[in-house]
Amino acid sequence: MNLTTNGFQGNLPSSLGNMEMIEFLDISHRSFHGKLPRSFLKGCDSLIVLKLSHKKLSGEVFPEASNFFSILELSMDNNLFTGKIGRGLQSLRSLIMLDISNNNLSGVIPSWFDQLQDLHSLQISNNLLEGEVPISLFNMSSLQLLALSANSLSGDLPQAISGYGALKVLLLRDINLSGVIPDTLLGKNIIVLDLRNNRLSGNIPEFINTQYIRILLLRGNNLTGSIPRRLCAVRSIHLLDLANNKLNGSIPSCLRNASLGLGRGGYIRRLFIIITFFLWEHLSVHFSNLCSYGFAIDYELSTQTKIEFATKHRYNAYRGGNLKLLFGLDLSKNELSGEIPIEFGGLRKLHALNLSHNNLSGVIPESFSGLKNVESLDLSFNRLQGQIPPQLTELSNLEVFNVSYNNFSGAFHRENSLTPLTCEAT
């Protein structure tokens, strides 16, 4: 039953518990409020999918066991739930996807989550959770998406975990993590790793495995040392954000060998799981009867995961097809020195390049005329000099071009272009 397009409002009726044979219930984005009726939790024992997102529901999340013995997907995100994560969830042993993000949940992350052996997706970001992240979460045999961002957590990343289980997407932004990044963190499966705005220190490790990483976000930590050459081997990466750290040394020219804008299309299309990550293989048997009624089971990760990346002087959020097509490199606000590698001109699909607020010297490479798809190019606050290459006027997609606070001479002016250009130069 899909009620998302109806105008129902008020408290959830206790009569919902009488629908013993219902398997699919979606009442997201409606004006319901109040607590979940106990009769509802104790009834509806045939439910397989329950979506209660984007409402004003309150109270605790499953404080006691329910009769949802067959449930596979439970979405209760973007509500007003409070209190601890209820032990009633522990009885949902068939659960594959759980989303209780964007609430006001407090307490610690329960250690019993690892008992949900079929769980593939666990999203509890943007709550008020405290304490350390249970190590067992990183080694669950089925868990592929773990989102804990924007909580009041603490502690170090586990160092002794080998391969980090089956994890493909690991979102740990803004949770006060400290210590060093283990070299095993990318594991054999990690595709998206978001560790932005923590208190991580030490060098960026020479990751043991970089085969599948598509998005690597390490901005806003206390990382030191040079950019490891091992990152030059990340042949499938789309977004690399190392900004706002304390990295030094020169920019490795071999970063040009990474896939940032090189367009190894077939390989990326086959393995770009942030776009094509479905749980269909696990759900097809259970949902065959639902599909015959015309229900579309949406487990596409792109609809669940939002990635922010700085372009055009602002943070934009990307998901779905837009995320798949975005290529970006941000090394700003570090202590990098030396010249800009001329090889970067070969990153022809790059949309955003930010090298600002470093100690880079020399000139802007003329090879930058090869950045045919770049929309935002920020080289400000460095020690660059010489003339701005006139070939850059041919970059028809360039909208934001910032070279202020350098030592350039001459002028830069683009004519006969349909794309407005914001140019800053001093």
Protein backbone atom coordinates (compact mmCIF):
# COMPACT_ATOMS: atom_id res chain seq x y z
CA MET A 1 0.00 0.00 0.00
CA ASN A 2 1.45 3.33 -1.10
CA LEU A 3 -0.11 6.38 0.58
CA THR A 4 2.60 8.91 -0.25
CA THR A 5 0.37 10.90 -2.58
CA ASN A 6 -2.62 11.13 -0.25
CA GLY A 7 -3.40 13.99 2.12
CA PHE A 8 -3.73 12.00 5.34
CA GLN A 9 -2.54 13.68 8.53
CA GLY A 10 -2.76 13.41 12.31
CA ASN A 11 -1.74 10.44 14.46
CA LEU A 12 -1.14 7.06 12.91
CA PRO A 13 -4.35 5.08 13.43
CA SER A 14 -4.13 2.07 15.72
CA SER A 15 -6.26 0.19 13.19
CA LEU A 16 -3.15 -0.20 11.02
CA GLY A 17 -2.39 -3.22 13.16
CA ASN A 18 -5.43 -4.99 11.74
CA MET A 19 -3.86 -5.29 8.28
CA GLU A 20 -2.44 -8.73 8.92
CA MET A 21 -1.74 -9.58 5.27
CA ILE A 22 -0.17 -6.30 4.14
CA GLU A 23 3.41 -6.69 2.85
CA PHE A 24 4.30 -3.21 1.56
CA LEU A 25 3.40 0.01 3.39
CA ASP A 26 4.76 3.42 2.38
CA ILE A 27 3.32 6.45 4.17
CA SER A 28 6.38 8.67 3.83
CA HIS A 29 6.12 12.43 3.29
CA ARG A 30 2.71 12.65 4.96
CA SER A 31 1.72 14.92 7.88
CA PHE A 32 1.47 12.16 10.45
CA HIS A 33 2.86 12.80 13.92
CA GLY A 34 2.97 11.22 17.36
CA LYS A 35 4.17 7.79 18.45
CA LEU A 36 3.90 4.48 16.63
CA PRO A 37 0.78 2.66 17.91
CA ARG A 38 1.65 -0.46 19.89
CA SER A 39 -1.13 -2.33 18.11
CA PHE A 40 0.60 -1.56 14.81
CA LEU A 41 3.95 -2.92 16.04
CA LYS A 42 2.28 -6.06 17.35
CA GLY A 43 0.21 -6.59 14.19
CA CYS A 44 1.09 -6.53 10.50
CA ASP A 45 3.21 -9.65 10.86
CA SER A 46 3.42 -10.04 7.06
CA LEU A 47 5.18 -6.71 6.46
CA ILE A 48 8.23 -6.87 4.24
CA VAL A 49 8.72 -3.16 3.47
CA LEU A 50 7.81 -0.30 5.84
CA LYS A 51 8.60 3.31 4.92
CA LEU A 52 7.83 6.02 7.49
CA SER A 53 10.29 8.67 6.31
CA HIS A 54 9.98 12.48 6.37
CA LYS A 55 7.24 12.84 8.95
CA LYS A 56 6.93 14.16 12.51
CA LEU A 57 6.81 10.84 14.29
CA SER A 58 8.22 10.89 17.81
CA GLY A 59 8.90 8.66 20.79
CA GLU A 60 11.41 5.83 20.93
CA VAL A 61 12.40 3.60 18.03
CA PHE A 62 11.13 0.08 18.68
CA PRO A 63 11.57 0.06 22.49
CA GLU A 64 10.18 -3.48 22.54
CA ALA A 65 9.97 -6.39 20.15
CA SER A 66 7.46 -6.22 17.32
CA ASN A 67 5.84 -8.87 15.16
CA PHE A 68 7.61 -7.71 11.99
CA PHE A 69 9.36 -11.06 11.64
CA SER A 70 9.58 -10.93 7.84
CA ILE A 71 10.54 -7.29 7.37
CA LEU A 72 13.45 -6.59 5.02
CA GLU A 73 13.39 -2.80 4.68
CA LEU A 74 12.64 -0.36 7.51
CA SER A 75 12.95 3.38 6.79
CA MET A 76 12.21 5.79 9.67
CA ASP A 77 14.55 8.61 8.71
CA ASN A 78 13.83 12.35 8.98
CA ASN A 79 11.48 12.22 11.94
CA LEU A 80 11.55 13.36 15.57
CA PHE A 81 12.39 10.08 17.27
CA THR A 82 14.27 10.39 20.57
CA GLY A 83 15.85 8.15 23.17
CA LYS A 84 18.09 5.18 22.63
CA ILE A 85 18.02 2.84 19.65
CA GLY A 86 15.43 0.34 20.85
CA ARG A 87 16.23 -3.29 21.49
CA GLY A 88 13.10 -4.17 19.58
CA LEU A 89 15.13 -3.82 16.39
CA GLN A 90 17.28 -6.71 17.56
CA SER A 91 14.44 -9.14 16.84
CA LEU A 92 14.22 -8.12 13.16
CA ARG A 93 16.59 -10.87 12.08
CA SER A 94 15.61 -10.74 8.38
CA LEU A 95 16.34 -7.01 8.06
CA ILE A 96 18.41 -6.02 5.02
CA MET A 97 18.08 -2.24 5.12
CA LEU A 98 17.65 0.01 8.18
CA ASP A 99 17.52 3.81 7.94
CA ILE A 100 16.94 5.78 11.16
CA SER A 101 19.06 8.77 10.17
CA ASN A 102 18.13 12.41 10.74
CA ASN A 103 16.38 12.01 14.09
CA ASN A 104 17.27 12.95 17.68
CA LEU A 105 18.44 9.53 18.85
CA SER A 106 20.88 9.48 21.78
CA GLY A 107 22.94 6.97 23.72
CA VAL A 108 25.47 4.63 22.14
CA ILE A 109 25.42 2.51 19.00
CA PRO A 110 24.28 -0.94 20.18
CA SER A 111 26.79 -3.75 19.92
CA TRP A 112 24.03 -6.21 18.96
CA PHE A 113 23.76 -4.83 15.41
CA ASP A 114 26.18 -7.55 14.34
CA GLN A 115 23.48 -10.12 15.18
CA LEU A 116 21.49 -8.89 12.17
CA GLN A 117 23.46 -11.10 9.87
CA ASP A 118 21.55 -10.22 6.69
CA LEU A 119 21.89 -6.46 7.15
CA HIS A 120 23.30 -4.79 4.04
CA SER A 121 22.60 -1.11 4.72
CA LEU A 122 22.74 0.65 8.11
CA GLN A 123 22.13 4.41 8.14
CA ILE A 124 22.09 6.25 11.47
CA SER A 125 23.71 9.56 10.49
CA ASN A 126 22.66 12.95 11.85
CA ASN A 127 21.60 11.96 15.35
CA LEU A 128 22.96 12.63 18.85
CA LEU A 129 24.71 9.32 19.38
CA GLU A 130 27.80 9.16 21.61
CA GLY A 131 30.61 6.78 22.48
CA GLU A 132 32.85 4.73 20.25
CA VAL A 133 31.87 2.91 17.10
CA PRO A 134 31.55 -0.83 17.81
CA ILE A 135 34.39 -2.63 16.05
CA SER A 136 32.02 -5.43 15.12
CA LEU A 137 30.24 -3.15 12.61
CA PHE A 138 33.35 -3.06 10.43
CA ASN A 139 33.52 -6.81 10.13
CA MET A 140 29.93 -7.82 9.46
CA SER A 141 29.80 -10.35 6.67
CA SER A 142 26.90 -8.75 4.76
CA LEU A 143 27.05 -5.04 5.63
CA GLN A 144 27.86 -3.00 2.52
CA LEU A 145 26.71 0.52 3.46
CA LEU A 146 27.52 2.03 6.87
CA ALA A 147 26.55 5.68 7.45
CA LEU A 148 27.35 7.14 10.88
CA SER A 149 28.13 10.76 9.93
CA ALA A 150 27.26 13.80 12.02
CA ASN A 151 27.02 12.23 15.47
CA SER A 152 28.93 12.95 18.69
CA LEU A 153 30.99 9.78 18.47
CA SER A 154 34.68 9.41 19.30
CA GLY A 155 37.59 7.00 19.21
CA ASP A 156 39.95 5.65 16.58
CA LEU A 157 39.40 3.73 13.41
CA PRO A 158 40.04 0.02 14.05
CA GLN A 159 43.61 -0.85 13.08
CA ALA A 160 43.45 -4.63 13.28
CA ILE A 161 40.49 -5.23 10.99
CA SER A 162 41.52 -7.04 7.81
CA GLY A 163 39.63 -5.86 4.75
CA TYR A 164 36.73 -4.25 6.61
CA GLY A 165 34.31 -7.04 5.82
CA ALA A 166 31.99 -6.57 2.86
CA LEU A 167 31.78 -2.77 3.22
CA LYS A 168 31.49 -0.82 -0.01
CA VAL A 169 30.33 2.57 1.27
CA LEU A 170 31.68 3.98 4.55
CA LEU A 171 30.38 7.41 5.60
CA LEU A 172 32.06 8.63 8.81
CA ARG A 173 32.05 12.41 8.41
CA ASP A 174 31.94 14.75 11.43
CA ILE A 175 32.12 12.17 14.24
CA ASN A 176 35.31 13.25 16.06
CA LEU A 177 37.41 10.30 14.95
CA SER A 178 41.06 10.53 15.99
CA GLY A 179 44.24 8.56 15.47
CA VAL A 180 45.69 7.47 12.15
CA ILE A 181 44.05 6.02 9.05
CA PRO A 182 44.87 2.30 8.76
CA ASP A 183 46.41 1.19 5.48
CA THR A 184 43.86 -1.64 5.30
CA LEU A 185 40.88 0.72 5.39
CA LEU A 186 40.11 0.62 1.68
CA GLY A 187 39.98 -3.14 1.88
CA LYS A 188 39.05 -5.16 -1.14
CA ASN A 189 35.59 -3.67 -1.60
CA ILE A 190 35.48 0.00 -0.48
CA ILE A 191 34.07 2.25 -3.19
CA VAL A 192 33.14 5.38 -1.21
CA LEU A 193 35.10 6.54 1.85
CA ASP A 194 34.09 9.76 3.60
CA LEU A 195 36.21 10.75 6.62
CA ARG A 196 35.82 14.52 6.33
CA ASN A 197 36.01 16.88 9.29
CA ASN A 198 37.41 14.59 11.93
CA ARG A 199 40.61 14.78 14.00
CA LEU A 200 42.61 12.17 12.13
CA SER A 201 46.38 12.67 12.09
CA GLY A 202 49.53 11.19 10.63
CA ASN A 203 50.25 10.54 6.98
CA ILE A 204 47.80 9.44 4.32
CA PRO A 205 48.66 5.74 4.25
CA GLU A 206 49.97 3.82 1.28
CA PHE A 207 46.66 2.03 0.99
CA ILE A 208 47.10 -1.67 0.39
CA ASN A 209 44.17 -1.89 -2.00
CA THR A 210 42.85 0.94 -4.16
CA GLN A 211 41.24 -1.15 -6.87
CA TYR A 212 37.63 -0.05 -6.51
CA ILE A 213 37.68 3.32 -4.75
CA ARG A 214 35.54 5.90 -6.57
CA ILE A 215 35.15 8.64 -3.99
CA LEU A 216 37.82 9.43 -1.38
CA LEU A 217 37.08 12.37 0.93
CA LEU A 218 39.66 13.20 3.63
CA ARG A 219 39.10 16.97 3.92
CA GLY A 220 39.30 18.79 7.23
CA ASN A 221 41.62 16.61 9.30
CA ASN A 222 45.18 17.02 10.60
CA LEU A 223 46.89 14.86 8.01
CA THR A 224 50.56 15.59 7.36
CA GLY A 225 53.34 14.48 5.06
CA SER A 226 53.25 14.24 1.30
CA ILE A 227 50.54 12.96 -1.02
CA PRO A 228 51.37 9.25 -1.39
CA ARG A 229 52.19 8.06 -4.87
CA ARG A 230 49.98 5.08 -4.20
CA LEU A 231 47.01 7.35 -4.94
CA CYS A 232 48.24 7.52 -8.52
CA ALA A 233 47.01 3.95 -8.86
CA VAL A 234 43.38 4.73 -8.07
CA ARG A 235 42.27 3.98 -11.58
CA SER A 236 38.53 4.37 -10.99
CA ILE A 237 38.31 7.47 -8.83
CA HIS A 238 35.87 10.29 -9.58
CA LEU A 239 36.23 12.57 -6.55
CA LEU A 240 39.41 13.12 -4.53
CA ASP A 241 39.22 15.68 -1.72
CA LEU A 242 42.32 16.15 0.45
CA ALA A 243 41.69 19.82 1.25
CA ASN A 244 42.17 21.61 4.56
CA ASN A 245 44.92 19.42 5.98
CA LYS A 246 48.66 19.99 6.51
CA LEU A 247 50.00 18.12 3.51
CA ASN A 248 53.35 19.28 2.13
CA GLY A 249 55.78 18.56 -0.66
CA SER A 250 55.00 18.68 -4.35
CA ILE A 251 51.91 17.45 -6.15
CA PRO A 252 52.73 14.06 -7.69
CA SER A 253 52.56 14.38 -11.46
CA CYS A 254 51.47 10.76 -11.62
CA LEU A 255 48.06 11.76 -10.26
CA ARG A 256 47.36 12.26 -13.93
CA ASN A 257 47.36 8.46 -14.15
CA ALA A 258 44.37 8.28 -11.81
CA SER A 259 41.05 8.08 -13.58
CA LEU A 260 40.10 11.67 -12.68
CA GLY A 261 38.57 12.67 -15.96
CA LEU A 262 40.42 10.16 -18.10
CA GLY A 263 37.15 8.38 -18.87
CA ARG A 264 37.83 4.68 -18.61
CA GLY A 265 34.14 4.39 -19.21
CA GLY A 266 33.54 0.66 -19.56
CA TYR A 267 35.39 -0.21 -16.37
CA ILE A 268 33.63 2.48 -14.41
CA ARG A 269 30.20 1.55 -15.70
CA ARG A 270 30.73 -2.06 -14.66
CA LEU A 271 31.98 -1.30 -11.18
CA PHE A 272 30.52 2.07 -10.23
CA ILE A 273 28.47 0.64 -7.42
CA ILE A 274 27.48 3.96 -5.93
CA ILE A 275 25.12 4.22 -8.87
CA THR A 276 24.32 0.57 -9.57
CA PHE A 277 24.40 -0.90 -6.07
CA PHE A 278 21.16 -2.83 -5.82
CA LEU A 279 20.16 -5.47 -3.31
CA TRP A 280 17.98 -7.03 -5.96
CA GLU A 281 19.84 -10.31 -5.91
CA HIS A 282 18.86 -10.67 -2.26
CA LEU A 283 15.31 -9.41 -2.67
CA SER A 284 14.03 -10.89 -5.90
CA VAL A 285 12.63 -14.03 -4.30
CA HIS A 286 10.94 -12.17 -1.46
CA PHE A 287 9.49 -9.45 -3.67
CA SER A 288 8.38 -11.42 -6.70
CA ASN A 289 4.78 -11.22 -5.55
CA LEU A 290 5.02 -7.47 -4.88
CA CYS A 291 6.45 -6.74 -8.29
CA SER A 292 3.47 -8.41 -9.88
CA TYR A 293 1.38 -5.63 -8.31
CA GLY A 294 3.53 -2.95 -9.90
CA PHE A 295 5.65 -1.98 -6.90
CA ALA A 296 9.15 -0.74 -7.71
CA ILE A 297 11.64 -1.70 -5.03
CA ASP A 298 14.12 1.17 -4.86
CA TYR A 299 17.41 0.12 -3.33
CA GLU A 300 19.60 2.16 -5.59
CA LEU A 301 22.36 3.57 -3.43
CA SER A 302 22.35 6.82 -5.34
CA THR A 303 18.96 7.67 -3.84
CA GLN A 304 20.21 6.99 -0.33
CA THR A 305 23.61 8.65 -0.39
CA LYS A 306 24.32 12.33 -0.88
CA ILE A 307 27.89 13.47 -1.47
CA GLU A 308 28.94 17.09 -1.07
CA PHE A 309 31.81 18.51 -3.10
CA ALA A 310 33.03 22.10 -3.41
CA THR A 311 32.59 23.59 -6.87
CA LYS A 312 32.12 27.20 -7.97
CA HIS A 313 32.88 28.61 -4.50
CA ARG A 314 30.15 26.62 -2.78
CA TYR A 315 29.32 23.16 -1.58
CA ASN A 316 26.88 21.33 -3.81
CA ALA A 317 25.21 18.04 -3.02
CA TYR A 318 25.29 15.34 -5.69
CA ARG A 319 23.56 12.01 -6.00
CA GLY A 320 22.32 9.68 -8.69
CA GLY A 321 23.30 10.35 -12.26
CA ASN A 322 24.79 13.75 -11.38
CA LEU A 323 27.19 12.09 -8.97
CA LYS A 324 28.19 9.46 -11.50
CA LEU A 325 29.19 12.13 -14.01
CA LEU A 326 31.09 14.42 -11.61
CA PHE A 327 34.91 14.45 -11.64
CA GLY A 328 36.68 16.65 -9.11
CA LEU A 329 40.07 17.18 -7.43
CA ASP A 330 40.50 19.42 -4.37
CA LEU A 331 43.94 19.88 -2.79
CA SER A 332 43.30 23.36 -1.39
CA LYS A 333 44.32 24.74 2.01
CA ASN A 334 47.43 22.65 2.48
CA GLU A 335 51.15 23.43 2.44
CA LEU A 336 51.93 22.04 -1.01
CA SER A 337 54.82 23.55 -2.95
CA GLY A 338 56.56 23.28 -6.29
CA GLU A 339 55.01 23.68 -9.71
CA ILE A 340 51.64 22.57 -10.99
CA PRO A 341 52.20 19.35 -12.96
CA ILE A 342 51.75 19.94 -16.66
CA GLU A 343 50.28 16.44 -16.84
CA PHE A 344 47.09 17.73 -15.19
CA GLY A 345 46.11 19.16 -18.57
CA GLY A 346 45.23 15.62 -19.59
CA LEU A 347 42.37 15.40 -17.10
CA ARG A 348 39.96 16.27 -19.82
CA LYS A 349 36.72 15.28 -18.03
CA LEU A 350 37.54 17.13 -14.81
CA HIS A 351 34.75 19.48 -13.73
CA ALA A 352 36.35 21.10 -10.68
CA LEU A 353 40.03 21.66 -9.82
CA ASN A 354 40.98 23.53 -6.65
CA LEU A 355 44.66 24.07 -5.80
CA SER A 356 44.17 27.32 -3.88
CA HIS A 357 45.74 28.34 -0.56
CA ASN A 358 49.03 26.51 -1.00
CA ASN A 359 52.62 27.56 -1.77
CA LEU A 360 52.65 26.61 -5.43
CA SER A 361 55.07 28.48 -7.71
CA GLY A 362 55.87 28.69 -11.40
CA VAL A 363 53.30 29.31 -14.11
CA ILE A 364 49.91 27.98 -15.10
CA PRO A 365 50.68 25.17 -17.54
CA GLU A 366 49.55 25.84 -21.10
CA SER A 367 48.35 22.23 -21.09
CA PHE A 368 45.38 23.40 -18.98
CA SER A 369 43.77 24.24 -22.30
CA GLY A 370 43.00 20.50 -22.41
CA LEU A 371 40.59 20.79 -19.46
CA LYS A 372 37.67 20.97 -21.84
CA ASN A 373 34.98 20.17 -19.26
CA VAL A 374 36.28 22.17 -16.31
CA GLU A 375 33.64 24.48 -14.83
CA SER A 376 35.51 25.69 -11.74
CA LEU A 377 39.26 26.36 -11.61
CA ASP A 378 40.70 27.91 -8.43
CA LEU A 379 44.44 28.64 -8.22
CA SER A 380 44.20 31.59 -5.82
CA PHE A 381 46.48 32.32 -2.85
CA ASN A 382 49.66 30.80 -4.21
CA ARG A 383 52.95 32.19 -5.57
CA LEU A 384 52.22 31.67 -9.26
CA GLN A 385 53.59 34.16 -11.78
CA GLY A 386 53.88 34.97 -15.45
CA GLN A 387 50.99 35.42 -17.83
CA ILE A 388 47.71 33.57 -17.74
CA PRO A 389 47.80 31.31 -20.84
CA PRO A 390 45.54 32.80 -23.49
CA GLN A 391 44.53 29.26 -24.48
CA LEU A 392 42.35 29.18 -21.35
CA THR A 393 39.95 31.55 -23.08
CA GLU A 394 38.94 28.56 -25.18
CA LEU A 395 37.55 26.68 -22.16
CA SER A 396 33.90 27.19 -23.03
CA ASN A 397 32.53 25.47 -19.90
CA LEU A 398 34.60 27.49 -17.44
CA GLU A 399 32.29 29.49 -15.15
CA VAL A 400 34.48 30.26 -12.13
CA PHE A 401 38.15 31.14 -12.62
CA ASN A 402 40.01 32.41 -9.55
CA VAL A 403 43.71 33.29 -9.76
CA SER A 404 43.69 36.13 -7.20
CA TYR A 405 46.56 36.70 -4.77
CA ASN A 406 49.32 35.52 -7.07
CA ASN A 407 51.92 37.45 -9.10
CA PHE A 408 50.44 37.32 -12.59
CA SER A 409 50.94 39.89 -15.29
CA GLY A 410 48.86 40.73 -18.32
CA ALA A 411 45.10 40.38 -18.77
CA PHE A 412 42.61 37.56 -19.24
CA HIS A 413 39.47 38.13 -21.29
CA ARG A 414 37.16 35.69 -23.02
CA GLU A 415 34.98 36.67 -25.91
CA ASN A 416 32.21 35.00 -27.89
CA SER A 417 31.22 32.54 -25.17
CA LEU A 418 27.72 31.65 -24.07
CA THR A 419 28.93 30.61 -20.59
CA PRO A 420 29.14 33.48 -18.05
CA LEU A 421 32.58 33.65 -16.44
CA THR A 422 33.35 34.83 -12.94
CA CYS A 423 37.03 35.75 -13.02
CA GLU A 424 39.00 36.90 -9.99
CA ALA A 425 42.55 38.11 -10.48
CA THR A 426 44.71 40.50 -8.48
